[in-house]
Amino acid sequence: KPAYRHVLLPCRLDAFCAGALLYLAYQSGFAARYKKVYPFVLAVLPCTVLVLLAVTGTAWHFGVDYVARYGYTLNVIFWTALMGFTLTAEKGFCVSVLCSRAMTVIGKYSYGIYVFHLPVYILLSKKLIFNAGPDDRTIMLAAISFIAAYVCSFASFHLLEKHFLKLKTAV
């Protein structure tokens, strides 16, 4: 399947819109009024995916047609609900994990990770190390790809992005 579904802005606009809507809802206090909905969505959505997997007998992979069609949007709904839950929840285990230093650091470099993860994965899986074949080295490839994308993101942030961020005017 083409990579454009995964990376191009028009195909991923639902994620940007969901984030913007959640921000507006949080700022206006609207998100707090519905804080009981977030745990429901966080419980029901994975169950829905598991039922789909059982019924169709296929894997949850974005190369599968129905996953390519609906999976990205289900993904957006899940992560938006998780953010809504985190923003409106009382202090507890989930909130402390999601607001931890490690998650904050990963969040700081998350855009770079998003930008670099696909080229890094392609280089590692097809060109340099793994020569992706029939044997399964998925977990090792995912771990090395994440570390490499994180390193690229870290470098990009400190060499380029933070200098441009300094040019922003305070709102």
C-alpha atoms as a PDB file:
ATOM      1  CA  LYS A   1       0.000   0.000   0.000  1.00  0.00           C
ATOM      2  CA  PRO A   2       1.207   3.537  -0.674  1.00  0.00           C
ATOM      3  CA  ALA A   3       2.910   5.418   2.139  1.00  0.00           C
ATOM      4  CA  TYR A   4       0.991   8.622   1.446  1.00  0.00           C
ATOM      5  CA  ARG A   5      -1.890   7.419   3.648  1.00  0.00           C
ATOM      6  CA  HIS A   6       0.523   7.334   6.510  1.00  0.00           C
ATOM      7  CA  VAL A   7       2.504  10.530   6.107  1.00  0.00           C
ATOM      8  CA  LEU A   8       0.901  13.237   3.955  1.00  0.00           C
ATOM      9  CA  LEU A   9      -0.962  16.028   5.740  1.00  0.00           C
ATOM     10  CA  PRO A  10      -4.254  15.780   3.799  1.00  0.00           C
ATOM     11  CA  CYS A  11      -4.461  12.104   4.762  1.00  0.00           C
ATOM     12  CA  ARG A  12      -3.643  12.788   8.423  1.00  0.00           C
ATOM     13  CA  LEU A  13      -5.623  15.983   8.866  1.00  0.00           C
ATOM     14  CA  ASP A  14      -8.055  14.212  11.206  1.00  0.00           C
ATOM     15  CA  ALA A  15      -5.294  13.960  13.828  1.00  0.00           C
ATOM     16  CA  PHE A  16      -4.441  17.656  13.617  1.00  0.00           C
ATOM     17  CA  CYS A  17      -8.130  18.611  13.785  1.00  0.00           C
ATOM     18  CA  ALA A  18      -8.766  16.318  16.760  1.00  0.00           C
ATOM     19  CA  GLY A  19      -5.833  17.860  18.615  1.00  0.00           C
ATOM     20  CA  ALA A  20      -7.037  21.378  17.848  1.00  0.00           C
ATOM     21  CA  LEU A  21     -10.605  20.560  18.902  1.00  0.00           C
ATOM     22  CA  LEU A  22      -9.409  18.965  22.129  1.00  0.00           C
ATOM     23  CA  TYR A  23      -7.301  22.028  22.882  1.00  0.00           C
ATOM     24  CA  LEU A  24     -10.279  24.349  22.318  1.00  0.00           C
ATOM     25  CA  ALA A  25     -12.547  22.093  24.385  1.00  0.00           C
ATOM     26  CA  TYR A  26     -10.017  22.000  27.212  1.00  0.00           C
ATOM     27  CA  GLN A  27      -9.462  25.762  27.200  1.00  0.00           C
ATOM     28  CA  SER A  28     -13.203  26.462  27.295  1.00  0.00           C
ATOM     29  CA  GLY A  29     -13.894  23.912  30.053  1.00  0.00           C
ATOM     30  CA  PHE A  30     -16.020  21.834  27.684  1.00  0.00           C
ATOM     31  CA  ALA A  31     -13.656  18.841  27.875  1.00  0.00           C
ATOM     32  CA  ALA A  32     -14.044  18.597  31.663  1.00  0.00           C
ATOM     33  CA  ARG A  33     -17.831  18.281  31.364  1.00  0.00           C
ATOM     34  CA  TYR A  34     -17.389  15.030  29.446  1.00  0.00           C
ATOM     35  CA  LYS A  35     -14.555  13.497  31.437  1.00  0.00           C
ATOM     36  CA  LYS A  36     -16.582  10.334  32.088  1.00  0.00           C
ATOM     37  CA  VAL A  37     -16.684   9.652  28.335  1.00  0.00           C
ATOM     38  CA  TYR A  38     -12.904   9.279  27.959  1.00  0.00           C
ATOM     39  CA  PRO A  39     -12.492   6.071  30.025  1.00  0.00           C
ATOM     40  CA  PHE A  40     -15.475   4.588  28.169  1.00  0.00           C
ATOM     41  CA  VAL A  41     -13.859   5.289  24.780  1.00  0.00           C
ATOM     42  CA  LEU A  42     -10.511   3.978  26.061  1.00  0.00           C
ATOM     43  CA  ALA A  43     -12.180   0.711  27.078  1.00  0.00           C
ATOM     44  CA  VAL A  44     -14.567   0.244  24.142  1.00  0.00           C
ATOM     45  CA  LEU A  45     -12.263   1.135  21.257  1.00  0.00           C
ATOM     46  CA  PRO A  46      -9.621  -1.576  21.876  1.00  0.00           C
ATOM     47  CA  CYS A  47     -12.437  -4.095  22.396  1.00  0.00           C
ATOM     48  CA  THR A  48     -13.933  -3.052  19.058  1.00  0.00           C
ATOM     49  CA  VAL A  49     -10.591  -3.579  17.361  1.00  0.00           C
ATOM     50  CA  LEU A  50     -10.226  -7.022  18.966  1.00  0.00           C
ATOM     51  CA  VAL A  51     -13.708  -7.996  17.741  1.00  0.00           C
ATOM     52  CA  LEU A  52     -12.797  -6.813  14.230  1.00  0.00           C
ATOM     53  CA  LEU A  53      -9.648  -8.915  14.353  1.00  0.00           C
ATOM     54  CA  ALA A  54     -11.568 -11.972  15.503  1.00  0.00           C
ATOM     55  CA  VAL A  55     -14.347 -11.566  12.937  1.00  0.00           C
ATOM     56  CA  THR A  56     -12.107 -10.852   9.953  1.00  0.00           C
ATOM     57  CA  GLY A  57      -9.295 -13.194  10.958  1.00  0.00           C
ATOM     58  CA  THR A  58      -6.682 -10.660   9.849  1.00  0.00           C
ATOM     59  CA  ALA A  59      -3.947  -8.726  11.586  1.00  0.00           C
ATOM     60  CA  TRP A  60      -4.244  -5.087  12.603  1.00  0.00           C
ATOM     61  CA  HIS A  61      -1.843  -3.740  10.022  1.00  0.00           C
ATOM     62  CA  PHE A  62      -2.245  -0.596   7.974  1.00  0.00           C
ATOM     63  CA  GLY A  63      -1.647  -2.579   4.795  1.00  0.00           C
ATOM     64  CA  VAL A  64      -4.982  -4.373   5.375  1.00  0.00           C
ATOM     65  CA  ASP A  65      -7.733  -2.565   3.468  1.00  0.00           C
ATOM     66  CA  TYR A  66     -10.270  -2.010   6.272  1.00  0.00           C
ATOM     67  CA  VAL A  67      -7.504  -0.931   8.647  1.00  0.00           C
ATOM     68  CA  ALA A  68      -6.175   1.535   6.066  1.00  0.00           C
ATOM     69  CA  ARG A  69      -9.703   2.901   5.684  1.00  0.00           C
ATOM     70  CA  TYR A  70     -10.781   3.127   9.327  1.00  0.00           C
ATOM     71  CA  GLY A  71      -7.732   2.374  11.433  1.00  0.00           C
ATOM     72  CA  TYR A  72      -6.158   5.799  11.296  1.00  0.00           C
ATOM     73  CA  THR A  73      -9.372   7.454  12.449  1.00  0.00           C
ATOM     74  CA  LEU A  74      -9.854   4.892  15.232  1.00  0.00           C
ATOM     75  CA  ASN A  75      -6.255   5.588  16.208  1.00  0.00           C
ATOM     76  CA  VAL A  76      -6.979   9.338  16.352  1.00  0.00           C
ATOM     77  CA  ILE A  77     -10.089   8.776  18.473  1.00  0.00           C
ATOM     78  CA  PHE A  78      -8.155   6.570  20.899  1.00  0.00           C
ATOM     79  CA  TRP A  79      -5.263   8.999  21.376  1.00  0.00           C
ATOM     80  CA  THR A  80      -7.580  12.012  21.596  1.00  0.00           C
ATOM     81  CA  ALA A  81      -9.580  10.244  24.310  1.00  0.00           C
ATOM     82  CA  LEU A  82      -6.348   9.390  26.135  1.00  0.00           C
ATOM     83  CA  MET A  83      -5.255  13.040  25.997  1.00  0.00           C
ATOM     84  CA  GLY A  84      -8.707  14.182  27.131  1.00  0.00           C
ATOM     85  CA  PHE A  85      -8.563  11.698  29.990  1.00  0.00           C
ATOM     86  CA  THR A  86      -5.106  12.907  31.000  1.00  0.00           C
ATOM     87  CA  LEU A  87      -6.069  16.580  30.840  1.00  0.00           C
ATOM     88  CA  THR A  88      -9.230  16.155  32.900  1.00  0.00           C
ATOM     89  CA  ALA A  89      -8.331  13.314  35.279  1.00  0.00           C
ATOM     90  CA  GLU A  90      -7.542  13.607  38.933  1.00  0.00           C
ATOM     91  CA  LYS A  91      -3.975  12.813  39.927  1.00  0.00           C
ATOM     92  CA  GLY A  92      -3.411   9.076  39.771  1.00  0.00           C
ATOM     93  CA  PHE A  93      -1.191   6.411  38.276  1.00  0.00           C
ATOM     94  CA  CYS A  94      -2.167   7.032  34.624  1.00  0.00           C
ATOM     95  CA  VAL A  95      -1.775  10.782  34.931  1.00  0.00           C
ATOM     96  CA  SER A  96       1.578  10.500  36.689  1.00  0.00           C
ATOM     97  CA  VAL A  97       2.879   8.105  34.006  1.00  0.00           C
ATOM     98  CA  LEU A  98       1.652  10.253  31.115  1.00  0.00           C
ATOM     99  CA  CYS A  99       2.967  13.446  32.757  1.00  0.00           C
ATOM    100  CA  SER A 100       6.290  11.885  33.758  1.00  0.00           C
ATOM    101  CA  ARG A 101       9.647  13.342  32.773  1.00  0.00           C
ATOM    102  CA  ALA A 102      10.247  10.521  30.259  1.00  0.00           C
ATOM    103  CA  MET A 103       6.948  11.180  28.464  1.00  0.00           C
ATOM    104  CA  THR A 104       7.575  14.931  28.501  1.00  0.00           C
ATOM    105  CA  VAL A 105      10.986  14.440  26.903  1.00  0.00           C
ATOM    106  CA  ILE A 106       9.575  12.108  24.246  1.00  0.00           C
ATOM    107  CA  GLY A 107       6.790  14.653  23.641  1.00  0.00           C
ATOM    108  CA  LYS A 108       9.353  17.406  23.113  1.00  0.00           C
ATOM    109  CA  TYR A 109      10.888  15.466  20.248  1.00  0.00           C
ATOM    110  CA  SER A 110       7.699  13.764  19.039  1.00  0.00           C
ATOM    111  CA  TYR A 111       7.280  15.806  15.868  1.00  0.00           C
ATOM    112  CA  GLY A 112      10.820  14.972  14.817  1.00  0.00           C
ATOM    113  CA  ILE A 113      10.206  11.313  15.611  1.00  0.00           C
ATOM    114  CA  TYR A 114       7.129  11.496  13.394  1.00  0.00           C
ATOM    115  CA  VAL A 115       9.103  13.104  10.564  1.00  0.00           C
ATOM    116  CA  PHE A 116      12.102  10.776  10.767  1.00  0.00           C
ATOM    117  CA  HIS A 117      10.542   7.423  11.665  1.00  0.00           C
ATOM    118  CA  LEU A 118       9.549   6.334   8.156  1.00  0.00           C
ATOM    119  CA  PRO A 119      12.856   7.175   6.406  1.00  0.00           C
ATOM    120  CA  VAL A 120      14.765   5.584   9.297  1.00  0.00           C
ATOM    121  CA  TYR A 121      12.598   2.462   9.134  1.00  0.00           C
ATOM    122  CA  ILE A 122      13.030   2.180   5.359  1.00  0.00           C
ATOM    123  CA  LEU A 123      16.805   2.598   5.617  1.00  0.00           C
ATOM    124  CA  LEU A 124      17.123   0.070   8.405  1.00  0.00           C
ATOM    125  CA  SER A 125      14.723  -2.520   7.026  1.00  0.00           C
ATOM    126  CA  LYS A 126      15.673  -2.476   3.367  1.00  0.00           C
ATOM    127  CA  LYS A 127      19.053  -0.934   2.912  1.00  0.00           C
ATOM    128  CA  LEU A 128      21.408  -1.132   5.827  1.00  0.00           C
ATOM    129  CA  ILE A 129      20.912  -3.687   8.538  1.00  0.00           C
ATOM    130  CA  PHE A 130      17.999  -6.022   8.234  1.00  0.00           C
ATOM    131  CA  ASN A 131      17.395  -6.761   4.569  1.00  0.00           C
ATOM    132  CA  ALA A 132      13.777  -7.453   5.518  1.00  0.00           C
ATOM    133  CA  GLY A 133      13.081 -11.022   4.593  1.00  0.00           C
ATOM    134  CA  PRO A 134      10.654 -13.712   5.665  1.00  0.00           C
ATOM    135  CA  ASP A 135      12.175 -14.127   9.138  1.00  0.00           C
ATOM    136  CA  ASP A 136      10.592 -12.111  11.928  1.00  0.00           C
ATOM    137  CA  ARG A 137      12.802  -9.478  13.511  1.00  0.00           C
ATOM    138  CA  THR A 138      10.022  -6.963  14.008  1.00  0.00           C
ATOM    139  CA  ILE A 139      10.624  -6.113  17.660  1.00  0.00           C
ATOM    140  CA  MET A 140      14.351  -5.584  17.181  1.00  0.00           C
ATOM    141  CA  LEU A 141      13.727  -3.495  14.060  1.00  0.00           C
ATOM    142  CA  ALA A 142      11.088  -1.407  15.875  1.00  0.00           C
ATOM    143  CA  ALA A 143      13.398  -0.773  18.846  1.00  0.00           C
ATOM    144  CA  ILE A 144      16.400   0.187  16.717  1.00  0.00           C
ATOM    145  CA  SER A 145      14.195   2.315  14.430  1.00  0.00           C
ATOM    146  CA  PHE A 146      12.742   4.171  17.428  1.00  0.00           C
ATOM    147  CA  ILE A 147      16.179   4.850  18.884  1.00  0.00           C
ATOM    148  CA  ALA A 148      17.535   6.039  15.527  1.00  0.00           C
ATOM    149  CA  ALA A 149      14.474   8.247  14.887  1.00  0.00           C
ATOM    150  CA  TYR A 150      14.812   9.664  18.406  1.00  0.00           C
ATOM    151  CA  VAL A 151      18.494  10.482  17.836  1.00  0.00           C
ATOM    152  CA  CYS A 152      17.661  12.189  14.508  1.00  0.00           C
ATOM    153  CA  SER A 153      14.841  14.105  16.192  1.00  0.00           C
ATOM    154  CA  PHE A 154      17.066  15.160  19.091  1.00  0.00           C
ATOM    155  CA  ALA A 155      19.703  16.448  16.681  1.00  0.00           C
ATOM    156  CA  SER A 156      17.131  18.211  14.505  1.00  0.00           C
ATOM    157  CA  PHE A 157      15.548  19.905  17.516  1.00  0.00           C
ATOM    158  CA  HIS A 158      18.813  21.186  18.934  1.00  0.00           C
ATOM    159  CA  LEU A 159      20.422  22.109  15.612  1.00  0.00           C
ATOM    160  CA  LEU A 160      17.378  23.694  13.915  1.00  0.00           C
ATOM    161  CA  GLU A 161      13.990  23.758  15.607  1.00  0.00           C
ATOM    162  CA  LYS A 162      14.813  25.424  18.917  1.00  0.00           C
ATOM    163  CA  HIS A 163      16.426  28.340  17.082  1.00  0.00           C
ATOM    164  CA  PHE A 164      13.254  28.894  15.063  1.00  0.00           C
ATOM    165  CA  LEU A 165      11.107  28.540  18.179  1.00  0.00           C
ATOM    166  CA  LYS A 166      13.011  31.439  19.737  1.00  0.00           C
ATOM    167  CA  LEU A 167      11.735  33.646  16.894  1.00  0.00           C
ATOM    168  CA  LYS A 168       8.114  33.166  17.974  1.00  0.00           C
ATOM    169  CA  THR A 169       6.497  36.075  19.728  1.00  0.00           C
ATOM    170  CA  ALA A 170       4.974  35.378  23.131  1.00  0.00           C
ATOM    171  CA  VAL A 171       1.185  35.185  23.009  1.00  0.00           C
END
